[in-house]
Structures are given as structure tokens and as C-alpha cells.
Amino acid sequence: GWFRQAPGKEREFVAAIGWSGGNIYYLDSVKGRFTISRDN
């Protein structure tokens, strides 16, 4: 997973990916702009 934390804010989920590269999830505000991927 990828998370982010801005000053004064809680740590926030951004994106996650399953072990095989499937089951990908995104924070709504980054959909269409961010892409998570992995190279095992």
C-alpha cells in the first residue's frame, strides 16, 4: 500500500495492490490520476 500524511492530518490511504498485481484500490480523490503497480 501507499499512504500519505500532511502536517496536522491523519495518515491517509492512497492506493493498494494485491500480491499478484490484482485487487487494486484507490482513494477516490486520486482515481484517474494515480496508478499503483508492482514488479515482483
ModelCIF file with pLDDT and N, C-alpha, C, O atoms, coordinates in Angstrom:
data_MODEL
#
_entry.id   MODEL 
#
_entity.id                         1 
_entity.type                       polymer 
_entity.pdbx_number_of_molecules   1 
#
_entity_poly.entity_id                      1 
_entity_poly.type                           'polypeptide(L)' 
_entity_poly.nstd_linkage                   no 
_entity_poly.nstd_monomer                   no 
_entity_poly.pdbx_seq_one_letter_code       GWFRQAPGKEREFVAAIGWSGGNIYYLDSVKGRFTISRDN 
_entity_poly.pdbx_seq_one_letter_code_can   GWFRQAPGKEREFVAAIGWSGGNIYYLDSVKGRFTISRDN 
_entity_poly.pdbx_strand_id                 A 
#
loop_
_entity_poly_seq.entity_id 
_entity_poly_seq.num 
_entity_poly_seq.mon_id 
_entity_poly_seq.hetero 
1 1  GLY n 
1 2  TRP n 
1 3  PHE n 
1 4  ARG n 
1 5  GLN n 
1 6  ALA n 
1 7  PRO n 
1 8  GLY n 
1 9  LYS n 
1 10 GLU n 
1 11 ARG n 
1 12 GLU n 
1 13 PHE n 
1 14 VAL n 
1 15 ALA n 
1 16 ALA n 
1 17 ILE n 
1 18 GLY n 
1 19 TRP n 
1 20 SER n 
1 21 GLY n 
1 22 GLY n 
1 23 ASN n 
1 24 ILE n 
1 25 TYR n 
1 26 TYR n 
1 27 LEU n 
1 28 ASP n 
1 29 SER n 
1 30 VAL n 
1 31 LYS n 
1 32 GLY n 
1 33 ARG n 
1 34 PHE n 
1 35 THR n 
1 36 ILE n 
1 37 SER n 
1 38 ARG n 
1 39 ASP n 
1 40 ASN n 
#
_struct_asym.id          A 
_struct_asym.entity_id   1 
#
loop_
_ma_qa_metric.id 
_ma_qa_metric.mode 
_ma_qa_metric.name 
_ma_qa_metric.software_group_id 
_ma_qa_metric.type 
1 global pLDDT . pLDDT 
2 local  pLDDT . pLDDT 
#
_ma_qa_metric_global.metric_id      1 
_ma_qa_metric_global.metric_value   96.15 
_ma_qa_metric_global.model_id       1 
_ma_qa_metric_global.ordinal_id     1 
#
loop_
_ma_qa_metric_local.label_asym_id 
_ma_qa_metric_local.label_comp_id 
_ma_qa_metric_local.label_seq_id 
_ma_qa_metric_local.metric_id 
_ma_qa_metric_local.metric_value 
_ma_qa_metric_local.model_id 
_ma_qa_metric_local.ordinal_id 
A GLY 1  2 98.00 1 1  
A TRP 2  2 98.00 1 2  
A PHE 3  2 98.00 1 3  
A ARG 4  2 98.00 1 4  
A GLN 5  2 98.00 1 5  
A ALA 6  2 97.00 1 6  
A PRO 7  2 93.00 1 7  
A GLY 8  2 94.00 1 8  
A LYS 9  2 96.00 1 9  
A GLU 10 2 96.00 1 10 
A ARG 11 2 96.00 1 11 
A GLU 12 2 97.00 1 12 
A PHE 13 2 98.00 1 13 
A VAL 14 2 98.00 1 14 
A ALA 15 2 98.00 1 15 
A ALA 16 2 98.00 1 16 
A ILE 17 2 97.00 1 17 
A GLY 18 2 95.00 1 18 
A TRP 19 2 90.00 1 19 
A SER 20 2 88.00 1 20 
A GLY 21 2 90.00 1 21 
A GLY 22 2 90.00 1 22 
A ASN 23 2 95.00 1 23 
A ILE 24 2 97.00 1 24 
A TYR 25 2 97.00 1 25 
A TYR 26 2 98.00 1 26 
A LEU 27 2 97.00 1 27 
A ASP 28 2 97.00 1 28 
A SER 29 2 97.00 1 29 
A VAL 30 2 98.00 1 30 
A LYS 31 2 98.00 1 31 
A GLY 32 2 98.00 1 32 
A ARG 33 2 98.00 1 33 
A PHE 34 2 98.00 1 34 
A THR 35 2 98.00 1 35 
A ILE 36 2 98.00 1 36 
A SER 37 2 97.00 1 37 
A ARG 38 2 96.00 1 38 
A ASP 39 2 95.00 1 39 
A ASN 40 2 93.00 1 40 
#
loop_
_atom_site.group_PDB 
_atom_site.id 
_atom_site.type_symbol 
_atom_site.label_atom_id 
_atom_site.label_alt_id 
_atom_site.label_comp_id 
_atom_site.label_asym_id 
_atom_site.label_entity_id 
_atom_site.label_seq_id 
_atom_site.pdbx_PDB_ins_code 
_atom_site.Cartn_x 
_atom_site.Cartn_y 
_atom_site.Cartn_z 
_atom_site.occupancy 
_atom_site.B_iso_or_equiv 
_atom_site.pdbx_formal_charge 
_atom_site.auth_seq_id 
_atom_site.auth_comp_id 
_atom_site.auth_asym_id 
_atom_site.auth_atom_id 
_atom_site.pdbx_PDB_model_num 
ATOM 1   N N  . GLY A 1 1  ? 0.808   -1.204  0.000   1.00 98.00 ? 1  GLY A N  1 
ATOM 2   C CA . GLY A 1 1  ? 0.000   0.000   0.000   1.00 98.00 ? 1  GLY A CA 1 
ATOM 3   C C  . GLY A 1 1  ? 0.843   1.256   0.000   1.00 98.00 ? 1  GLY A C  1 
ATOM 4   O O  . GLY A 1 1  ? 2.008   1.247   0.398   1.00 98.00 ? 1  GLY A O  1 
ATOM 5   N N  . TRP A 1 2  ? 0.229   2.344   -0.457  1.00 98.00 ? 2  TRP A N  1 
ATOM 6   C CA . TRP A 1 2  ? 0.793   3.689   -0.349  1.00 98.00 ? 2  TRP A CA 1 
ATOM 7   C C  . TRP A 1 2  ? -0.137  4.528   0.520   1.00 98.00 ? 2  TRP A C  1 
ATOM 8   O O  . TRP A 1 2  ? -1.356  4.504   0.351   1.00 98.00 ? 2  TRP A O  1 
ATOM 9   N N  . PHE A 1 3  ? 0.459   5.271   1.454   1.00 98.00 ? 3  PHE A N  1 
ATOM 10  C CA . PHE A 1 3  ? -0.257  6.185   2.334   1.00 98.00 ? 3  PHE A CA 1 
ATOM 11  C C  . PHE A 1 3  ? 0.434   7.539   2.286   1.00 98.00 ? 3  PHE A C  1 
ATOM 12  O O  . PHE A 1 3  ? 1.576   7.647   1.839   1.00 98.00 ? 3  PHE A O  1 
ATOM 13  N N  . ARG A 1 4  ? -0.266  8.572   2.750   1.00 98.00 ? 4  ARG A N  1 
ATOM 14  C CA . ARG A 1 4  ? 0.350   9.887   2.829   1.00 98.00 ? 4  ARG A CA 1 
ATOM 15  C C  . ARG A 1 4  ? -0.100  10.591  4.098   1.00 98.00 ? 4  ARG A C  1 
ATOM 16  O O  . ARG A 1 4  ? -1.162  10.299  4.648   1.00 98.00 ? 4  ARG A O  1 
ATOM 17  N N  . GLN A 1 5  ? 0.731   11.527  4.553   1.00 98.00 ? 5  GLN A N  1 
ATOM 18  C CA . GLN A 1 5  ? 0.423   12.287  5.753   1.00 98.00 ? 5  GLN A CA 1 
ATOM 19  C C  . GLN A 1 5  ? 0.886   13.726  5.574   1.00 98.00 ? 5  GLN A C  1 
ATOM 20  O O  . GLN A 1 5  ? 2.075   13.991  5.393   1.00 98.00 ? 5  GLN A O  1 
ATOM 21  N N  . ALA A 1 6  ? -0.066  14.649  5.625   1.00 97.00 ? 6  ALA A N  1 
ATOM 22  C CA . ALA A 1 6  ? 0.216   16.069  5.568   1.00 97.00 ? 6  ALA A CA 1 
ATOM 23  C C  . ALA A 1 6  ? 0.306   16.617  6.985   1.00 97.00 ? 6  ALA A C  1 
ATOM 24  O O  . ALA A 1 6  ? -0.236  16.007  7.907   1.00 97.00 ? 6  ALA A O  1 
ATOM 25  N N  . PRO A 1 7  ? 0.981   17.757  7.188   1.00 93.00 ? 7  PRO A N  1 
ATOM 26  C CA . PRO A 1 7  ? 1.096   18.332  8.530   1.00 93.00 ? 7  PRO A CA 1 
ATOM 27  C C  . PRO A 1 7  ? -0.264  18.546  9.185   1.00 93.00 ? 7  PRO A C  1 
ATOM 28  O O  . PRO A 1 7  ? -1.165  19.124  8.578   1.00 93.00 ? 7  PRO A O  1 
ATOM 29  N N  . GLY A 1 8  ? -0.413  18.080  10.424  1.00 94.00 ? 8  GLY A N  1 
ATOM 30  C CA . GLY A 1 8  ? -1.653  18.231  11.162  1.00 94.00 ? 8  GLY A CA 1 
ATOM 31  C C  . GLY A 1 8  ? -2.766  17.298  10.749  1.00 94.00 ? 8  GLY A C  1 
ATOM 32  O O  . GLY A 1 8  ? -3.881  17.421  11.254  1.00 94.00 ? 8  GLY A O  1 
ATOM 33  N N  . LYS A 1 9  ? -2.502  16.364  9.844   1.00 96.00 ? 9  LYS A N  1 
ATOM 34  C CA . LYS A 1 9  ? -3.518  15.451  9.345   1.00 96.00 ? 9  LYS A CA 1 
ATOM 35  C C  . LYS A 1 9  ? -3.211  14.014  9.756   1.00 96.00 ? 9  LYS A C  1 
ATOM 36  O O  . LYS A 1 9  ? -2.068  13.678  10.068  1.00 96.00 ? 9  LYS A O  1 
ATOM 37  N N  . GLU A 1 10 ? -4.243  13.172  9.752   1.00 96.00 ? 10 GLU A N  1 
ATOM 38  C CA . GLU A 1 10 ? -4.058  11.748  9.972   1.00 96.00 ? 10 GLU A CA 1 
ATOM 39  C C  . GLU A 1 10 ? -3.431  11.107  8.738   1.00 96.00 ? 10 GLU A C  1 
ATOM 40  O O  . GLU A 1 10 ? -3.562  11.614  7.624   1.00 96.00 ? 10 GLU A O  1 
ATOM 41  N N  . ARG A 1 11 ? -2.752  9.991   8.952   1.00 96.00 ? 11 ARG A N  1 
ATOM 42  C CA . ARG A 1 11 ? -2.221  9.240   7.830   1.00 96.00 ? 11 ARG A CA 1 
ATOM 43  C C  . ARG A 1 11 ? -3.391  8.716   6.987   1.00 96.00 ? 11 ARG A C  1 
ATOM 44  O O  . ARG A 1 11 ? -4.353  8.166   7.523   1.00 96.00 ? 11 ARG A O  1 
ATOM 45  N N  . GLU A 1 12 ? -3.299  8.892   5.673   1.00 97.00 ? 12 GLU A N  1 
ATOM 46  C CA . GLU A 1 12 ? -4.404  8.673   4.761   1.00 97.00 ? 12 GLU A CA 1 
ATOM 47  C C  . GLU A 1 12 ? -4.049  7.614   3.724   1.00 97.00 ? 12 GLU A C  1 
ATOM 48  O O  . GLU A 1 12 ? -2.970  7.654   3.134   1.00 97.00 ? 12 GLU A O  1 
ATOM 49  N N  . PHE A 1 13 ? -4.955  6.671   3.504   1.00 98.00 ? 13 PHE A N  1 
ATOM 50  C CA . PHE A 1 13 ? -4.800  5.676   2.456   1.00 98.00 ? 13 PHE A CA 1 
ATOM 51  C C  . PHE A 1 13 ? -4.806  6.334   1.090   1.00 98.00 ? 13 PHE A C  1 
ATOM 52  O O  . PHE A 1 13 ? -5.610  7.230   0.834   1.00 98.00 ? 13 PHE A O  1 
ATOM 53  N N  . VAL A 1 14 ? -3.911  5.895   0.206   1.00 98.00 ? 14 VAL A N  1 
ATOM 54  C CA . VAL A 1 14 ? -3.843  6.406   -1.158  1.00 98.00 ? 14 VAL A CA 1 
ATOM 55  C C  . VAL A 1 14 ? -4.152  5.309   -2.175  1.00 98.00 ? 14 VAL A C  1 
ATOM 56  O O  . VAL A 1 14 ? -5.014  5.492   -3.034  1.00 98.00 ? 14 VAL A O  1 
ATOM 57  N N  . ALA A 1 15 ? -3.459  4.172   -2.087  1.00 98.00 ? 15 ALA A N  1 
ATOM 58  C CA . ALA A 1 15 ? -3.637  3.091   -3.052  1.00 98.00 ? 15 ALA A CA 1 
ATOM 59  C C  . ALA A 1 15 ? -3.097  1.799   -2.468  1.00 98.00 ? 15 ALA A C  1 
ATOM 60  O O  . ALA A 1 15 ? -2.237  1.825   -1.587  1.00 98.00 ? 15 ALA A O  1 
ATOM 61  N N  . ALA A 1 16 ? -3.598  0.660   -2.954  1.00 98.00 ? 16 ALA A N  1 
ATOM 62  C CA . ALA A 1 16 ? -3.103  -0.643  -2.521  1.00 98.00 ? 16 ALA A CA 1 
ATOM 63  C C  . ALA A 1 16 ? -3.214  -1.634  -3.665  1.00 98.00 ? 16 ALA A C  1 
ATOM 64  O O  . ALA A 1 16 ? -4.020  -1.463  -4.580  1.00 98.00 ? 16 ALA A O  1 
ATOM 65  N N  . ILE A 1 17 ? -2.384  -2.681  -3.600  1.00 97.00 ? 17 ILE A N  1 
ATOM 66  C CA . ILE A 1 17 ? -2.323  -3.679  -4.662  1.00 97.00 ? 17 ILE A CA 1 
ATOM 67  C C  . ILE A 1 17 ? -2.059  -5.045  -4.049  1.00 97.00 ? 17 ILE A C  1 
ATOM 68  O O  . ILE A 1 17 ? -1.267  -5.167  -3.115  1.00 97.00 ? 17 ILE A O  1 
ATOM 69  N N  . GLY A 1 18 ? -2.722  -6.077  -4.573  1.00 95.00 ? 18 GLY A N  1 
ATOM 70  C CA . GLY A 1 18 ? -2.551  -7.437  -4.083  1.00 95.00 ? 18 GLY A CA 1 
ATOM 71  C C  . GLY A 1 18 ? -1.224  -8.036  -4.486  1.00 95.00 ? 18 GLY A C  1 
ATOM 72  O O  . GLY A 1 18 ? -0.477  -7.456  -5.273  1.00 95.00 ? 18 GLY A O  1 
ATOM 73  N N  . TRP A 1 19 ? -0.938  -9.207  -3.937  1.00 90.00 ? 19 TRP A N  1 
ATOM 74  C CA . TRP A 1 19 ? 0.377   -9.825  -4.127  1.00 90.00 ? 19 TRP A CA 1 
ATOM 75  C C  . TRP A 1 19 ? 0.691   -10.151 -5.582  1.00 90.00 ? 19 TRP A C  1 
ATOM 76  O O  . TRP A 1 19 ? 1.857   -10.139 -5.975  1.00 90.00 ? 19 TRP A O  1 
ATOM 77  N N  . SER A 1 20 ? -0.338  -10.445 -6.397  1.00 88.00 ? 20 SER A N  1 
ATOM 78  C CA . SER A 1 20 ? -0.134  -10.818 -7.790  1.00 88.00 ? 20 SER A CA 1 
ATOM 79  C C  . SER A 1 20 ? -0.312  -9.641  -8.750  1.00 88.00 ? 20 SER A C  1 
ATOM 80  O O  . SER A 1 20 ? -0.174  -9.809  -9.962  1.00 88.00 ? 20 SER A O  1 
ATOM 81  N N  . GLY A 1 21 ? -0.617  -8.456  -8.224  1.00 90.00 ? 21 GLY A N  1 
ATOM 82  C CA . GLY A 1 21 ? -0.848  -7.292  -9.057  1.00 90.00 ? 21 GLY A CA 1 
ATOM 83  C C  . GLY A 1 21 ? -2.309  -6.994  -9.321  1.00 90.00 ? 21 GLY A C  1 
ATOM 84  O O  . GLY A 1 21 ? -2.626  -6.021  -10.004 1.00 90.00 ? 21 GLY A O  1 
ATOM 85  N N  . GLY A 1 22 ? -3.214  -7.824  -8.786  1.00 90.00 ? 22 GLY A N  1 
ATOM 86  C CA . GLY A 1 22 ? -4.633  -7.572  -8.901  1.00 90.00 ? 22 GLY A CA 1 
ATOM 87  C C  . GLY A 1 22 ? -5.172  -6.909  -7.645  1.00 90.00 ? 22 GLY A C  1 
ATOM 88  O O  . GLY A 1 22 ? -4.406  -6.446  -6.800  1.00 90.00 ? 22 GLY A O  1 
ATOM 89  N N  . ASN A 1 23 ? -6.496  -6.866  -7.525  1.00 95.00 ? 23 ASN A N  1 
ATOM 90  C CA . ASN A 1 23 ? -7.168  -6.275  -6.362  1.00 95.00 ? 23 ASN A CA 1 
ATOM 91  C C  . ASN A 1 23 ? -6.604  -4.901  -6.033  1.00 95.00 ? 23 ASN A C  1 
ATOM 92  O O  . ASN A 1 23 ? -6.070  -4.687  -4.944  1.00 95.00 ? 23 ASN A O  1 
ATOM 93  N N  . ILE A 1 24 ? -6.722  -3.980  -6.964  1.00 97.00 ? 24 ILE A N  1 
ATOM 94  C CA . ILE A 1 24 ? -6.194  -2.630  -6.829  1.00 97.00 ? 24 ILE A CA 1 
ATOM 95  C C  . ILE A 1 24 ? -7.284  -1.692  -6.326  1.00 97.00 ? 24 ILE A C  1 
ATOM 96  O O  . ILE A 1 24 ? -8.405  -1.700  -6.835  1.00 97.00 ? 24 ILE A O  1 
ATOM 97  N N  . TYR A 1 25 ? -6.945  -0.879  -5.318  1.00 97.00 ? 25 TYR A N  1 
ATOM 98  C CA . TYR A 1 25 ? -7.881  0.079   -4.726  1.00 97.00 ? 25 TYR A CA 1 
ATOM 99  C C  . TYR A 1 25 ? -7.226  1.453   -4.673  1.00 97.00 ? 25 TYR A C  1 
ATOM 100 O O  . TYR A 1 25 ? -6.011  1.562   -4.503  1.00 97.00 ? 25 TYR A O  1 
ATOM 101 N N  . TYR A 1 26 ? -8.047  2.517   -4.822  1.00 98.00 ? 26 TYR A N  1 
ATOM 102 C CA . TYR A 1 26 ? -7.560  3.887   -4.778  1.00 98.00 ? 26 TYR A CA 1 
ATOM 103 C C  . TYR A 1 26 ? -8.454  4.758   -3.902  1.00 98.00 ? 26 TYR A C  1 
ATOM 104 O O  . TYR A 1 26 ? -9.662  4.543   -3.805  1.00 98.00 ? 26 TYR A O  1 
ATOM 105 N N  . LEU A 1 27 ? -7.830  5.746   -3.270  1.00 97.00 ? 27 LEU A N  1 
ATOM 106 C CA . LEU A 1 27 ? -8.575  6.844   -2.678  1.00 97.00 ? 27 LEU A CA 1 
ATOM 107 C C  . LEU A 1 27 ? -9.361  7.549   -3.784  1.00 97.00 ? 27 LEU A C  1 
ATOM 108 O O  . LEU A 1 27 ? -8.827  7.776   -4.869  1.00 97.00 ? 27 LEU A O  1 
ATOM 109 N N  . ASP A 1 28 ? -10.627 7.898   -3.520  1.00 97.00 ? 28 ASP A N  1 
ATOM 110 C CA . ASP A 1 28 ? -11.476 8.489   -4.553  1.00 97.00 ? 28 ASP A CA 1 
ATOM 111 C C  . ASP A 1 28 ? -10.843 9.711   -5.210  1.00 97.00 ? 28 ASP A C  1 
ATOM 112 O O  . ASP A 1 28 ? -10.959 9.880   -6.424  1.00 97.00 ? 28 ASP A O  1 
ATOM 113 N N  . SER A 1 29 ? -10.185 10.558  -4.445  1.00 97.00 ? 29 SER A N  1 
ATOM 114 C CA . SER A 1 29 ? -9.663  11.807  -4.974  1.00 97.00 ? 29 SER A CA 1 
ATOM 115 C C  . SER A 1 29 ? -8.448  11.628  -5.889  1.00 97.00 ? 29 SER A C  1 
ATOM 116 O O  . SER A 1 29 ? -8.041  12.581  -6.553  1.00 97.00 ? 29 SER A O  1 
ATOM 117 N N  . VAL A 1 30 ? -7.861  10.426  -5.937  1.00 98.00 ? 30 VAL A N  1 
ATOM 118 C CA . VAL A 1 30 ? -6.717  10.195  -6.820  1.00 98.00 ? 30 VAL A CA 1 
ATOM 119 C C  . VAL A 1 30 ? -7.062  9.296   -8.000  1.00 98.00 ? 30 VAL A C  1 
ATOM 120 O O  . VAL A 1 30 ? -6.214  9.086   -8.868  1.00 98.00 ? 30 VAL A O  1 
ATOM 121 N N  . LYS A 1 31 ? -8.270  8.761   -8.060  1.00 98.00 ? 31 LYS A N  1 
ATOM 122 C CA . LYS A 1 31 ? -8.668  7.903   -9.173  1.00 98.00 ? 31 LYS A CA 1 
ATOM 123 C C  . LYS A 1 31 ? -8.576  8.658   -10.493 1.00 98.00 ? 31 LYS A C  1 
ATOM 124 O O  . LYS A 1 31 ? -9.037  9.794   -10.607 1.00 98.00 ? 31 LYS A O  1 
ATOM 125 N N  . GLY A 1 32 ? -7.978  8.013   -11.485 1.00 98.00 ? 32 GLY A N  1 
ATOM 126 C CA . GLY A 1 32 ? -7.782  8.637   -12.780 1.00 98.00 ? 32 GLY A CA 1 
ATOM 127 C C  . GLY A 1 32 ? -6.517  9.448   -12.884 1.00 98.00 ? 32 GLY A C  1 
ATOM 128 O O  . GLY A 1 32 ? -6.128  9.844   -13.983 1.00 98.00 ? 32 GLY A O  1 
ATOM 129 N N  . ARG A 1 33 ? -5.853  9.711   -11.749 1.00 98.00 ? 33 ARG A N  1 
ATOM 130 C CA . ARG A 1 33 ? -4.618  10.492  -11.744 1.00 98.00 ? 33 ARG A CA 1 
ATOM 131 C C  . ARG A 1 33 ? -3.409  9.655   -11.300 1.00 98.00 ? 33 ARG A C  1 
ATOM 132 O O  . ARG A 1 33 ? -2.312  9.821   -11.833 1.00 98.00 ? 33 ARG A O  1 
ATOM 133 N N  . PHE A 1 34 ? -3.609  8.759   -10.326 1.00 98.00 ? 34 PHE A N  1 
ATOM 134 C CA . PHE A 1 34 ? -2.525  7.936   -9.783  1.00 98.00 ? 34 PHE A CA 1 
ATOM 135 C C  . PHE A 1 34 ? -2.680  6.491   -10.250 1.00 98.00 ? 34 PHE A C  1 
ATOM 136 O O  . PHE A 1 34 ? -3.795  6.008   -10.448 1.00 98.00 ? 34 PHE A O  1 
ATOM 137 N N  . THR A 1 35 ? -1.549  5.808   -10.422 1.00 98.00 ? 35 THR A N  1 
ATOM 138 C CA . THR A 1 35 ? -1.545  4.397   -10.792 1.00 98.00 ? 35 THR A CA 1 
ATOM 139 C C  . THR A 1 35 ? -0.542  3.651   -9.920  1.00 98.00 ? 35 THR A C  1 
ATOM 140 O O  . THR A 1 35 ? 0.634   4.012   -9.875  1.00 98.00 ? 35 THR A O  1 
ATOM 141 N N  . ILE A 1 36 ? -1.003  2.612   -9.229  1.00 98.00 ? 36 ILE A N  1 
ATOM 142 C CA . ILE A 1 36 ? -0.121  1.757   -8.446  1.00 98.00 ? 36 ILE A CA 1 
ATOM 143 C C  . ILE A 1 36 ? 0.214   0.516   -9.273  1.00 98.00 ? 36 ILE A C  1 
ATOM 144 O O  . ILE A 1 36 ? -0.644  -0.019  -9.975  1.00 98.00 ? 36 ILE A O  1 
ATOM 145 N N  . SER A 1 37 ? 1.459   0.063   -9.188  1.00 97.00 ? 37 SER A N  1 
ATOM 146 C CA . SER A 1 37 ? 1.881   -1.140  -9.884  1.00 97.00 ? 37 SER A CA 1 
ATOM 147 C C  . SER A 1 37 ? 3.009   -1.795  -9.092  1.00 97.00 ? 37 SER A C  1 
ATOM 148 O O  . SER A 1 37 ? 3.562   -1.190  -8.174  1.00 97.00 ? 37 SER A O  1 
ATOM 149 N N  . ARG A 1 38 ? 3.348   -3.031  -9.450  1.00 96.00 ? 38 ARG A N  1 
ATOM 150 C CA . ARG A 1 38 ? 4.450   -3.711  -8.772  1.00 96.00 ? 38 ARG A CA 1 
ATOM 151 C C  . ARG A 1 38 ? 5.198   -4.592  -9.744  1.00 96.00 ? 38 ARG A C  1 
ATOM 152 O O  . ARG A 1 38 ? 4.636   -5.068  -10.730 1.00 96.00 ? 38 ARG A O  1 
ATOM 153 N N  . ASP A 1 39 ? 6.470   -4.805  -9.460  1.00 95.00 ? 39 ASP A N  1 
ATOM 154 C CA . ASP A 1 39 ? 7.327   -5.699  -10.217 1.00 95.00 ? 39 ASP A CA 1 
ATOM 155 C C  . ASP A 1 39 ? 7.951   -6.646  -9.207  1.00 95.00 ? 39 ASP A C  1 
ATOM 156 O O  . ASP A 1 39 ? 8.929   -6.298  -8.546  1.00 95.00 ? 39 ASP A O  1 
ATOM 157 N N  . ASN A 1 40 ? 7.384   -7.848  -9.084  1.00 93.00 ? 40 ASN A N  1 
ATOM 158 C CA . ASN A 1 40 ? 7.854   -8.787  -8.071  1.00 93.00 ? 40 ASN A CA 1 
ATOM 159 C C  . ASN A 1 40 ? 9.271   -9.282  -8.342  1.00 93.00 ? 40 ASN A C  1 
ATOM 160 O O  . ASN A 1 40 ? 9.803   -10.080 -7.571  1.00 93.00 ? 40 ASN A O  1 
#
